[in-house]
Amino acid sequence: MTSHVGRNYARALFELAAETGSPEAVGADLRVARDALFTQKDVRNFLSNRLISRVTKKKLVRAGFENEANPRVLTLLFLLIDRGRTRLLGEIEEEFERLFRLSRGVRKVKVYSAFPLGDAEKGSITRSLETRLAARVELETDIRPSLIGGVVAESEGQEIEFSIKSQLGALAAGIEAAGPGER
């Protein structure tokens, strides 16, 4: 889950990248920075250590990225160091990637099912979701044993249920609303 602060950094960086026509390049450099600085525990601990000066941290980052990273990414890294927010780098990259996908009309959807889905089922679900969401869909699947049958799709904080459990719940609510005399 991305924090409000992380979303703001990502949105600002994305808007700057979009203005210059380089969101794809900035996104790639942001992923490299995240992989180098955020995913390695020793580096992450070094950057979050308050006993180490910001100047020393910036020297490390500059040495690793100055000739390779987009200047906007380098500026973001320095800003995060200055504000003691390097821990946000992972969520900033994630939100930047989400904004980039949305700008291209693509939505990432995670589909949960009781059992593994075959290629034909994935294709059918993808087509159905693309129609419903009016966007291209990048489908990711996972198993959720608590489902009786059907699927549950999640995208951008929205949940779409096509499960037997939700259909049974809707049927029970309809029967309940009809009252005792109309059953």
N, C-alpha and C. Protein backbone atom coordinates (compact mmCIF):
# COMPACT_ATOMS: atom_id res chain seq x y z
N MET A 1 0.84 -1.18 0.00
CA MET A 1 0.00 0.00 0.00
C MET A 1 0.88 1.24 0.00
N THR A 2 0.57 2.15 -0.84
CA THR A 2 1.36 3.37 -0.97
C THR A 2 0.82 4.45 -0.04
N SER A 3 1.72 5.09 0.68
CA SER A 3 1.32 6.17 1.58
C SER A 3 1.01 7.44 0.78
N HIS A 4 0.34 8.36 1.44
CA HIS A 4 0.00 9.64 0.81
C HIS A 4 1.27 10.37 0.37
N VAL A 5 2.27 10.38 1.21
CA VAL A 5 3.53 11.05 0.90
C VAL A 5 4.21 10.39 -0.30
N GLY A 6 4.25 9.06 -0.30
CA GLY A 6 4.85 8.34 -1.42
C GLY A 6 4.13 8.61 -2.73
N ARG A 7 2.79 8.66 -2.67
CA ARG A 7 2.00 8.97 -3.88
C ARG A 7 2.34 10.37 -4.40
N ASN A 8 2.49 11.33 -3.48
CA ASN A 8 2.81 12.70 -3.91
C ASN A 8 4.16 12.78 -4.61
N TYR A 9 5.17 12.13 -4.06
CA TYR A 9 6.49 12.10 -4.71
C TYR A 9 6.38 11.47 -6.10
N ALA A 10 5.70 10.34 -6.16
CA ALA A 10 5.56 9.62 -7.44
C ALA A 10 4.81 10.46 -8.47
N ARG A 11 3.74 11.09 -8.04
CA ARG A 11 2.94 11.91 -8.95
C ARG A 11 3.77 13.09 -9.48
N ALA A 12 4.51 13.75 -8.59
CA ALA A 12 5.35 14.88 -9.02
C ALA A 12 6.41 14.42 -10.02
N LEU A 13 7.06 13.30 -9.72
CA LEU A 13 8.08 12.78 -10.63
C LEU A 13 7.46 12.37 -11.96
N PHE A 14 6.29 11.74 -11.92
CA PHE A 14 5.64 11.32 -13.16
C PHE A 14 5.26 12.52 -14.01
N GLU A 15 4.71 13.56 -13.39
CA GLU A 15 4.32 14.76 -14.14
C GLU A 15 5.53 15.41 -14.80
N LEU A 16 6.66 15.48 -14.09
CA LEU A 16 7.88 16.03 -14.68
C LEU A 16 8.36 15.17 -15.85
N ALA A 17 8.32 13.87 -15.66
CA ALA A 17 8.76 12.95 -16.72
C ALA A 17 7.84 13.04 -17.93
N ALA A 18 6.54 13.16 -17.69
CA ALA A 18 5.58 13.24 -18.80
C ALA A 18 5.76 14.54 -19.58
N GLU A 19 6.07 15.63 -18.89
CA GLU A 19 6.29 16.92 -19.56
C GLU A 19 7.46 16.86 -20.52
N THR A 20 8.47 16.10 -20.18
CA THR A 20 9.66 16.00 -21.03
C THR A 20 9.60 14.79 -21.96
N GLY A 21 8.50 14.05 -21.90
CA GLY A 21 8.35 12.90 -22.79
C GLY A 21 9.23 11.72 -22.44
N SER A 22 9.61 11.60 -21.17
CA SER A 22 10.51 10.51 -20.80
C SER A 22 10.02 9.64 -19.65
N PRO A 23 8.71 9.40 -19.51
CA PRO A 23 8.28 8.60 -18.36
C PRO A 23 8.81 7.17 -18.38
N GLU A 24 8.99 6.61 -19.56
CA GLU A 24 9.49 5.23 -19.64
C GLU A 24 10.95 5.16 -19.16
N ALA A 25 11.77 6.11 -19.60
CA ALA A 25 13.18 6.13 -19.19
C ALA A 25 13.30 6.43 -17.70
N VAL A 26 12.52 7.37 -17.20
CA VAL A 26 12.56 7.71 -15.78
C VAL A 26 12.11 6.51 -14.95
N GLY A 27 11.07 5.82 -15.41
CA GLY A 27 10.59 4.63 -14.70
C GLY A 27 11.64 3.54 -14.64
N ALA A 28 12.36 3.35 -15.75
CA ALA A 28 13.42 2.34 -15.78
C ALA A 28 14.54 2.70 -14.80
N ASP A 29 14.94 3.97 -14.78
CA ASP A 29 15.98 4.41 -13.85
C ASP A 29 15.52 4.32 -12.40
N LEU A 30 14.25 4.60 -12.18
CA LEU A 30 13.69 4.50 -10.82
C LEU A 30 13.71 3.05 -10.33
N ARG A 31 13.40 2.12 -11.24
CA ARG A 31 13.46 0.68 -10.88
C ARG A 31 14.89 0.26 -10.53
N VAL A 32 15.86 0.74 -11.31
CA VAL A 32 17.26 0.42 -11.04
C VAL A 32 17.67 0.96 -9.68
N ALA A 33 17.27 2.20 -9.40
CA ALA A 33 17.60 2.82 -8.10
C ALA A 33 16.94 2.05 -6.96
N ARG A 34 15.70 1.68 -7.15
CA ARG A 34 15.01 0.91 -6.12
C ARG A 34 15.71 -0.42 -5.87
N ASP A 35 16.05 -1.10 -6.94
CA ASP A 35 16.73 -2.39 -6.80
C ASP A 35 18.07 -2.26 -6.09
N ALA A 36 18.80 -1.20 -6.43
CA ALA A 36 20.13 -1.01 -5.85
C ALA A 36 20.09 -0.49 -4.42
N LEU A 37 19.13 0.39 -4.14
CA LEU A 37 19.14 1.06 -2.84
C LEU A 37 18.09 0.55 -1.85
N PHE A 38 17.01 0.04 -2.35
CA PHE A 38 15.91 -0.31 -1.45
C PHE A 38 15.86 -1.80 -1.13
N THR A 39 16.17 -2.63 -2.10
CA THR A 39 16.02 -4.07 -1.88
C THR A 39 17.18 -4.69 -1.12
N GLN A 40 18.32 -4.00 -1.06
CA GLN A 40 19.47 -4.53 -0.32
C GLN A 40 19.44 -3.96 1.10
N LYS A 41 19.32 -4.85 2.06
CA LYS A 41 19.15 -4.45 3.46
C LYS A 41 20.29 -3.58 3.97
N ASP A 42 21.55 -3.93 3.65
CA ASP A 42 22.69 -3.15 4.14
C ASP A 42 22.66 -1.71 3.61
N VAL A 43 22.34 -1.56 2.33
CA VAL A 43 22.28 -0.22 1.74
C VAL A 43 21.11 0.55 2.34
N ARG A 44 19.97 -0.11 2.47
CA ARG A 44 18.78 0.52 3.07
C ARG A 44 19.07 0.99 4.49
N ASN A 45 19.75 0.15 5.28
CA ASN A 45 20.11 0.53 6.65
C ASN A 45 21.09 1.70 6.66
N PHE A 46 22.04 1.70 5.73
CA PHE A 46 23.01 2.79 5.63
C PHE A 46 22.28 4.11 5.36
N LEU A 47 21.36 4.09 4.39
CA LEU A 47 20.65 5.31 4.01
C LEU A 47 19.68 5.80 5.08
N SER A 48 19.18 4.91 5.91
CA SER A 48 18.24 5.33 6.95
C SER A 48 18.92 5.60 8.28
N ASN A 49 20.23 5.38 8.36
CA ASN A 49 20.98 5.61 9.60
C ASN A 49 21.15 7.12 9.82
N ARG A 50 20.60 7.61 10.92
CA ARG A 50 20.65 9.05 11.21
C ARG A 50 22.03 9.52 11.65
N LEU A 51 22.91 8.59 12.00
CA LEU A 51 24.26 8.95 12.42
C LEU A 51 25.19 9.24 11.24
N ILE A 52 24.78 8.83 10.06
CA ILE A 52 25.58 9.06 8.86
C ILE A 52 25.07 10.34 8.20
N SER A 53 25.98 11.22 7.85
CA SER A 53 25.58 12.53 7.31
C SER A 53 24.91 12.38 5.94
N ARG A 54 24.08 13.37 5.63
CA ARG A 54 23.42 13.40 4.32
C ARG A 54 24.45 13.55 3.21
N VAL A 55 25.51 14.27 3.47
CA VAL A 55 26.56 14.46 2.47
C VAL A 55 27.19 13.12 2.10
N THR A 56 27.48 12.31 3.09
CA THR A 56 28.07 10.99 2.84
C THR A 56 27.10 10.11 2.06
N LYS A 57 25.83 10.14 2.43
CA LYS A 57 24.82 9.35 1.72
C LYS A 57 24.70 9.79 0.26
N LYS A 58 24.71 11.10 0.04
CA LYS A 58 24.61 11.62 -1.32
C LYS A 58 25.83 11.25 -2.15
N LYS A 59 27.01 11.23 -1.53
CA LYS A 59 28.22 10.82 -2.25
C LYS A 59 28.09 9.38 -2.73
N LEU A 60 27.56 8.52 -1.88
CA LEU A 60 27.35 7.12 -2.26
C LEU A 60 26.39 7.03 -3.44
N VAL A 61 25.28 7.73 -3.35
CA VAL A 61 24.28 7.69 -4.42
C VAL A 61 24.86 8.29 -5.71
N ARG A 62 25.53 9.42 -5.59
CA ARG A 62 26.12 10.07 -6.77
C ARG A 62 27.13 9.14 -7.44
N ALA A 63 27.96 8.47 -6.65
CA ALA A 63 28.96 7.56 -7.20
C ALA A 63 28.30 6.40 -7.95
N GLY A 64 27.17 5.96 -7.47
CA GLY A 64 26.50 4.82 -8.10
C GLY A 64 25.64 5.17 -9.30
N PHE A 65 25.13 6.43 -9.35
CA PHE A 65 24.12 6.73 -10.37
C PHE A 65 24.38 7.96 -11.23
N GLU A 66 25.37 8.75 -10.90
CA GLU A 66 25.52 10.05 -11.56
C GLU A 66 25.58 9.96 -13.08
N ASN A 67 26.32 9.03 -13.62
CA ASN A 67 26.47 8.95 -15.07
C ASN A 67 25.37 8.13 -15.74
N GLU A 68 24.62 7.39 -14.96
CA GLU A 68 23.65 6.48 -15.54
C GLU A 68 22.20 6.91 -15.34
N ALA A 69 21.87 7.48 -14.21
CA ALA A 69 20.48 7.77 -13.88
C ALA A 69 20.01 9.08 -14.50
N ASN A 70 18.73 9.12 -14.79
CA ASN A 70 18.08 10.34 -15.24
C ASN A 70 18.27 11.40 -14.15
N PRO A 71 18.55 12.65 -14.52
CA PRO A 71 18.76 13.70 -13.52
C PRO A 71 17.57 13.87 -12.57
N ARG A 72 16.36 13.62 -13.06
CA ARG A 72 15.18 13.73 -12.20
C ARG A 72 15.17 12.67 -11.11
N VAL A 73 15.63 11.47 -11.45
CA VAL A 73 15.70 10.39 -10.46
C VAL A 73 16.78 10.71 -9.43
N LEU A 74 17.91 11.21 -9.90
CA LEU A 74 18.98 11.58 -8.98
C LEU A 74 18.52 12.70 -8.03
N THR A 75 17.81 13.67 -8.56
CA THR A 75 17.27 14.75 -7.72
C THR A 75 16.29 14.19 -6.70
N LEU A 76 15.45 13.26 -7.12
CA LEU A 76 14.51 12.63 -6.18
C LEU A 76 15.27 11.91 -5.07
N LEU A 77 16.30 11.17 -5.43
CA LEU A 77 17.08 10.44 -4.42
C LEU A 77 17.71 11.40 -3.41
N PHE A 78 18.25 12.50 -3.89
CA PHE A 78 18.84 13.49 -2.99
C PHE A 78 17.77 14.11 -2.08
N LEU A 79 16.61 14.38 -2.64
CA LEU A 79 15.51 14.94 -1.85
C LEU A 79 15.07 13.97 -0.76
N LEU A 80 14.98 12.69 -1.12
CA LEU A 80 14.60 11.67 -0.13
C LEU A 80 15.65 11.57 0.98
N ILE A 81 16.92 11.68 0.61
CA ILE A 81 17.99 11.65 1.62
C ILE A 81 17.88 12.88 2.53
N ASP A 82 17.69 14.06 1.93
CA ASP A 82 17.58 15.29 2.72
C ASP A 82 16.43 15.24 3.72
N ARG A 83 15.34 14.61 3.31
CA ARG A 83 14.15 14.59 4.17
C ARG A 83 14.03 13.31 5.01
N GLY A 84 15.03 12.46 4.92
CA GLY A 84 15.00 11.23 5.70
C GLY A 84 13.90 10.28 5.28
N ARG A 85 13.61 10.23 3.98
CA ARG A 85 12.49 9.42 3.49
C ARG A 85 12.92 8.38 2.46
N THR A 86 14.15 7.92 2.53
CA THR A 86 14.62 6.93 1.55
C THR A 86 13.82 5.64 1.63
N ARG A 87 13.22 5.36 2.79
CA ARG A 87 12.41 4.15 2.95
C ARG A 87 11.19 4.15 2.02
N LEU A 88 10.83 5.32 1.48
CA LEU A 88 9.67 5.43 0.59
C LEU A 88 9.98 5.05 -0.85
N LEU A 89 11.24 4.81 -1.17
CA LEU A 89 11.64 4.59 -2.55
C LEU A 89 10.86 3.44 -3.22
N GLY A 90 10.66 2.35 -2.50
CA GLY A 90 9.93 1.22 -3.08
C GLY A 90 8.50 1.58 -3.45
N GLU A 91 7.81 2.26 -2.55
CA GLU A 91 6.42 2.61 -2.84
C GLU A 91 6.32 3.73 -3.87
N ILE A 92 7.32 4.61 -3.93
CA ILE A 92 7.33 5.65 -4.97
C ILE A 92 7.46 4.99 -6.34
N GLU A 93 8.36 4.02 -6.44
CA GLU A 93 8.52 3.31 -7.72
C GLU A 93 7.25 2.58 -8.11
N GLU A 94 6.63 1.95 -7.15
CA GLU A 94 5.38 1.20 -7.40
C GLU A 94 4.28 2.14 -7.90
N GLU A 95 4.12 3.28 -7.26
CA GLU A 95 3.10 4.24 -7.66
C GLU A 95 3.43 4.87 -9.01
N PHE A 96 4.71 5.16 -9.26
CA PHE A 96 5.12 5.70 -10.56
C PHE A 96 4.74 4.71 -11.66
N GLU A 97 5.02 3.44 -11.41
CA GLU A 97 4.70 2.39 -12.39
C GLU A 97 3.20 2.32 -12.64
N ARG A 98 2.40 2.45 -11.58
CA ARG A 98 0.94 2.44 -11.71
C ARG A 98 0.47 3.63 -12.55
N LEU A 99 1.01 4.81 -12.30
CA LEU A 99 0.64 6.00 -13.06
C LEU A 99 1.04 5.85 -14.53
N PHE A 100 2.20 5.26 -14.78
CA PHE A 100 2.65 5.04 -16.15
C PHE A 100 1.72 4.08 -16.88
N ARG A 101 1.35 2.99 -16.21
CA ARG A 101 0.42 2.03 -16.82
C ARG A 101 -0.91 2.71 -17.15
N LEU A 102 -1.45 3.48 -16.20
CA LEU A 102 -2.73 4.15 -16.41
C LEU A 102 -2.64 5.15 -17.56
N SER A 103 -1.51 5.82 -17.70
CA SER A 103 -1.36 6.79 -18.79
C SER A 103 -1.39 6.10 -20.16
N ARG A 104 -1.06 4.82 -20.18
CA ARG A 104 -1.11 4.04 -21.43
C ARG A 104 -2.42 3.27 -21.57
N GLY A 105 -3.35 3.47 -20.62
CA GLY A 105 -4.64 2.78 -20.69
C GLY A 105 -4.57 1.33 -20.27
N VAL A 106 -3.64 1.00 -19.36
CA VAL A 106 -3.46 -0.38 -18.91
C VAL A 106 -3.74 -0.44 -17.41
N ARG A 107 -4.50 -1.46 -17.01
CA ARG A 107 -4.75 -1.68 -15.58
C ARG A 107 -4.23 -3.04 -15.18
N LYS A 108 -3.57 -3.08 -14.05
CA LYS A 108 -3.08 -4.34 -13.50
C LYS A 108 -4.20 -4.92 -12.65
N VAL A 109 -4.56 -6.16 -12.92
CA VAL A 109 -5.66 -6.80 -12.19
C VAL A 109 -5.16 -8.12 -11.62
N LYS A 110 -5.41 -8.32 -10.35
CA LYS A 110 -5.06 -9.58 -9.71
C LYS A 110 -6.36 -10.36 -9.54
N VAL A 111 -6.36 -11.58 -10.05
CA VAL A 111 -7.55 -12.43 -10.00
C VAL A 111 -7.27 -13.61 -9.07
N TYR A 112 -8.16 -13.78 -8.11
CA TYR A 112 -8.08 -14.90 -7.17
C TYR A 112 -9.12 -15.93 -7.56
N SER A 113 -8.72 -17.20 -7.51
CA SER A 113 -9.65 -18.29 -7.79
C SER A 113 -9.39 -19.42 -6.81
N ALA A 114 -10.36 -20.34 -6.72
CA ALA A 114 -10.22 -21.47 -5.81
C ALA A 114 -9.19 -22.47 -6.34
N PHE A 115 -9.07 -22.53 -7.67
CA PHE A 115 -8.18 -23.49 -8.31
C PHE A 115 -7.36 -22.78 -9.39
N PRO A 116 -6.24 -23.37 -9.81
CA PRO A 116 -5.45 -22.74 -10.88
C PRO A 116 -6.28 -22.56 -12.15
N LEU A 117 -6.10 -21.43 -12.82
CA LEU A 117 -6.83 -21.15 -14.05
C LEU A 117 -6.03 -21.57 -15.26
N GLY A 118 -6.71 -22.12 -16.25
CA GLY A 118 -6.07 -22.48 -17.51
C GLY A 118 -5.96 -21.27 -18.42
N ASP A 119 -5.25 -21.42 -19.53
CA ASP A 119 -5.05 -20.31 -20.46
C ASP A 119 -6.37 -19.81 -21.05
N ALA A 120 -7.28 -20.73 -21.37
CA ALA A 120 -8.57 -20.33 -21.94
C ALA A 120 -9.37 -19.52 -20.92
N GLU A 121 -9.35 -19.96 -19.66
CA GLU A 121 -10.08 -19.22 -18.61
C GLU A 121 -9.46 -17.84 -18.38
N LYS A 122 -8.13 -17.78 -18.37
CA LYS A 122 -7.45 -16.49 -18.20
C LYS A 122 -7.82 -15.54 -19.35
N GLY A 123 -7.84 -16.07 -20.56
CA GLY A 123 -8.19 -15.25 -21.73
C GLY A 123 -9.61 -14.72 -21.64
N SER A 124 -10.53 -15.59 -21.24
CA SER A 124 -11.93 -15.18 -21.10
C SER A 124 -12.10 -14.12 -20.01
N ILE A 125 -11.43 -14.32 -18.89
CA ILE A 125 -11.50 -13.35 -17.79
C ILE A 125 -10.88 -12.02 -18.22
N THR A 126 -9.76 -12.08 -18.90
CA THR A 126 -9.09 -10.86 -19.37
C THR A 126 -10.01 -10.08 -20.30
N ARG A 127 -10.62 -10.74 -21.27
CA ARG A 127 -11.53 -10.06 -22.20
C ARG A 127 -12.71 -9.44 -21.47
N SER A 128 -13.28 -10.18 -20.52
CA SER A 128 -14.41 -9.67 -19.75
C SER A 128 -14.02 -8.44 -18.94
N LEU A 129 -12.86 -8.50 -18.30
CA LEU A 129 -12.40 -7.36 -17.49
C LEU A 129 -12.05 -6.16 -18.37
N GLU A 130 -11.46 -6.40 -19.53
CA GLU A 130 -11.14 -5.29 -20.43
C GLU A 130 -12.40 -4.55 -20.87
N THR A 131 -13.47 -5.29 -21.10
CA THR A 131 -14.74 -4.67 -21.47
C THR A 131 -15.31 -3.90 -20.29
N ARG A 132 -15.30 -4.51 -19.14
CA ARG A 132 -15.88 -3.88 -17.94
C ARG A 132 -15.10 -2.66 -17.48
N LEU A 133 -13.76 -2.71 -17.56
CA LEU A 133 -12.91 -1.63 -17.08
C LEU A 133 -12.54 -0.62 -18.17
N ALA A 134 -12.88 -0.92 -19.41
CA ALA A 134 -12.56 -0.07 -20.56
C ALA A 134 -11.06 0.26 -20.60
N ALA A 135 -10.25 -0.78 -20.43
CA ALA A 135 -8.80 -0.62 -20.45
C ALA A 135 -8.17 -1.96 -20.80
N ARG A 136 -6.92 -1.90 -21.28
CA ARG A 136 -6.18 -3.15 -21.44
C ARG A 136 -5.85 -3.67 -20.06
N VAL A 137 -5.83 -4.98 -19.92
CA VAL A 137 -5.62 -5.59 -18.61
C VAL A 137 -4.36 -6.42 -18.59
N GLU A 138 -3.53 -6.19 -17.57
CA GLU A 138 -2.39 -7.07 -17.27
C GLU A 138 -2.88 -7.98 -16.15
N LEU A 139 -3.06 -9.24 -16.45
CA LEU A 139 -3.66 -10.19 -15.51
C LEU A 139 -2.60 -10.93 -14.70
N GLU A 140 -2.84 -10.99 -13.42
CA GLU A 140 -2.01 -11.77 -12.50
C GLU A 140 -2.98 -12.66 -11.73
N THR A 141 -2.64 -13.93 -11.55
CA THR A 141 -3.55 -14.84 -10.86
C THR A 141 -2.93 -15.38 -9.58
N ASP A 142 -3.82 -15.75 -8.66
CA ASP A 142 -3.39 -16.33 -7.40
C ASP A 142 -4.52 -17.23 -6.90
N ILE A 143 -4.16 -18.15 -6.05
CA ILE A 143 -5.13 -19.09 -5.47
C ILE A 143 -5.62 -18.54 -4.13
N ARG A 144 -6.94 -18.59 -3.94
CA ARG A 144 -7.54 -18.23 -2.66
C ARG A 144 -8.45 -19.40 -2.27
N PRO A 145 -7.94 -20.31 -1.44
CA PRO A 145 -8.69 -21.52 -1.10
C PRO A 145 -10.05 -21.26 -0.45
N SER A 146 -10.26 -20.10 0.14
CA SER A 146 -11.53 -19.81 0.80
C SER A 146 -12.68 -19.61 -0.18
N LEU A 147 -12.35 -19.45 -1.47
CA LEU A 147 -13.42 -19.32 -2.47
C LEU A 147 -14.02 -20.70 -2.75
N ILE A 148 -15.32 -20.75 -2.84
CA ILE A 148 -16.00 -22.00 -3.19
C ILE A 148 -15.85 -22.26 -4.68
N GLY A 149 -15.99 -21.23 -5.45
CA GLY A 149 -15.87 -21.30 -6.89
C GLY A 149 -15.96 -19.90 -7.44
N GLY A 150 -15.70 -19.73 -8.73
CA GLY A 150 -15.72 -18.41 -9.33
C GLY A 150 -14.39 -17.70 -9.08
N VAL A 151 -14.40 -16.39 -9.30
CA VAL A 151 -13.18 -15.60 -9.13
C VAL A 151 -13.49 -14.26 -8.47
N VAL A 152 -12.46 -13.66 -7.90
CA VAL A 152 -12.52 -12.30 -7.38
C VAL A 152 -11.38 -11.54 -8.03
N ALA A 153 -11.69 -10.38 -8.61
CA ALA A 153 -10.68 -9.56 -9.27
C ALA A 153 -10.47 -8.27 -8.48
N GLU A 154 -9.20 -7.87 -8.31
CA GLU A 154 -8.87 -6.63 -7.61
C GLU A 154 -8.00 -5.77 -8.52
N SER A 155 -8.37 -4.47 -8.61
CA SER A 155 -7.60 -3.53 -9.39
C SER A 155 -7.84 -2.13 -8.88
N GLU A 156 -6.75 -1.40 -8.62
CA GLU A 156 -6.83 0.00 -8.21
C GLU A 156 -7.77 0.20 -7.02
N GLY A 157 -7.74 -0.72 -6.07
CA GLY A 157 -8.58 -0.60 -4.89
C GLY A 157 -10.03 -1.01 -5.12
N GLN A 158 -10.35 -1.46 -6.30
CA GLN A 158 -11.71 -1.88 -6.65
C GLN A 158 -11.73 -3.41 -6.67
N GLU A 159 -12.78 -3.98 -6.08
CA GLU A 159 -12.92 -5.43 -6.07
C GLU A 159 -14.16 -5.80 -6.86
N ILE A 160 -14.00 -6.76 -7.77
CA ILE A 160 -15.10 -7.25 -8.60
C ILE A 160 -15.24 -8.73 -8.29
N GLU A 161 -16.40 -9.10 -7.78
CA GLU A 161 -16.61 -10.50 -7.39
C GLU A 161 -17.47 -11.23 -8.40
N PHE A 162 -16.97 -12.36 -8.84
CA PHE A 162 -17.71 -13.28 -9.68
C PHE A 162 -17.72 -14.64 -8.98
N SER A 163 -17.78 -14.60 -7.65
CA SER A 163 -17.66 -15.84 -6.89
C SER A 163 -19.04 -16.41 -6.54
N ILE A 164 -19.07 -17.69 -6.30
CA ILE A 164 -20.31 -18.35 -5.89
C ILE A 164 -20.78 -17.79 -4.55
N LYS A 165 -19.84 -17.53 -3.66
CA LYS A 165 -20.18 -16.98 -2.35
C LYS A 165 -20.94 -15.66 -2.49
N SER A 166 -20.46 -14.75 -3.36
CA SER A 166 -21.15 -13.47 -3.53
C SER A 166 -22.51 -13.65 -4.19
N GLN A 167 -22.63 -14.60 -5.11
CA GLN A 167 -23.91 -14.86 -5.76
C GLN A 167 -24.91 -15.45 -4.77
N LEU A 168 -24.45 -16.35 -3.90
CA LEU A 168 -25.32 -16.90 -2.85
C LEU A 168 -25.75 -15.81 -1.87
N GLY A 169 -24.83 -14.91 -1.54
CA GLY A 169 -25.16 -13.79 -0.65
C GLY A 169 -26.21 -12.89 -1.25
N ALA A 170 -26.09 -12.59 -2.55
CA ALA A 170 -27.07 -11.75 -3.24
C ALA A 170 -28.43 -12.45 -3.29
N LEU A 171 -28.43 -13.76 -3.52
CA LEU A 171 -29.67 -14.52 -3.54
C LEU A 171 -30.34 -14.51 -2.17
N ALA A 172 -29.57 -14.71 -1.12
CA ALA A 172 -30.10 -14.67 0.24
C ALA A 172 -30.64 -13.29 0.59
N ALA A 173 -29.98 -12.24 0.17
CA ALA A 173 -30.45 -10.88 0.43
C ALA A 173 -31.77 -10.64 -0.31
N GLY A 174 -31.89 -11.15 -1.52
CA GLY A 174 -33.12 -11.00 -2.28
C GLY A 174 -34.29 -11.72 -1.64
N ILE A 175 -34.03 -12.92 -1.12
CA ILE A 175 -35.06 -13.70 -0.45
C ILE A 175 -35.47 -12.99 0.84
N GLU A 176 -34.48 -12.48 1.58
CA GLU A 176 -34.74 -11.77 2.82
C GLU A 176 -35.57 -10.51 2.56
N ALA A 177 -35.27 -9.79 1.48
CA ALA A 177 -35.98 -8.55 1.17
C ALA A 177 -37.41 -8.84 0.72
N ALA A 178 -37.63 -10.00 0.14
CA ALA A 178 -38.98 -10.34 -0.36
C ALA A 178 -39.97 -10.54 0.80
N GLY A 179 -39.47 -10.88 1.94
CA GLY A 179 -40.35 -11.05 3.10
C GLY A 179 -40.93 -12.44 3.17
N PRO A 180 -41.55 -12.80 4.31
CA PRO A 180 -42.03 -14.16 4.51
C PRO A 180 -43.21 -14.55 3.61
N GLY A 181 -44.05 -13.63 3.26
CA GLY A 181 -45.24 -13.97 2.49
C GLY A 181 -44.98 -14.14 1.02
N GLU A 182 -43.89 -13.67 0.51
CA GLU A 182 -43.62 -13.71 -0.92
C GLU A 182 -42.66 -14.79 -1.34
N ARG A 183 -42.28 -15.66 -0.43
CA ARG A 183 -41.30 -16.71 -0.77
C ARG A 183 -41.92 -17.82 -1.48
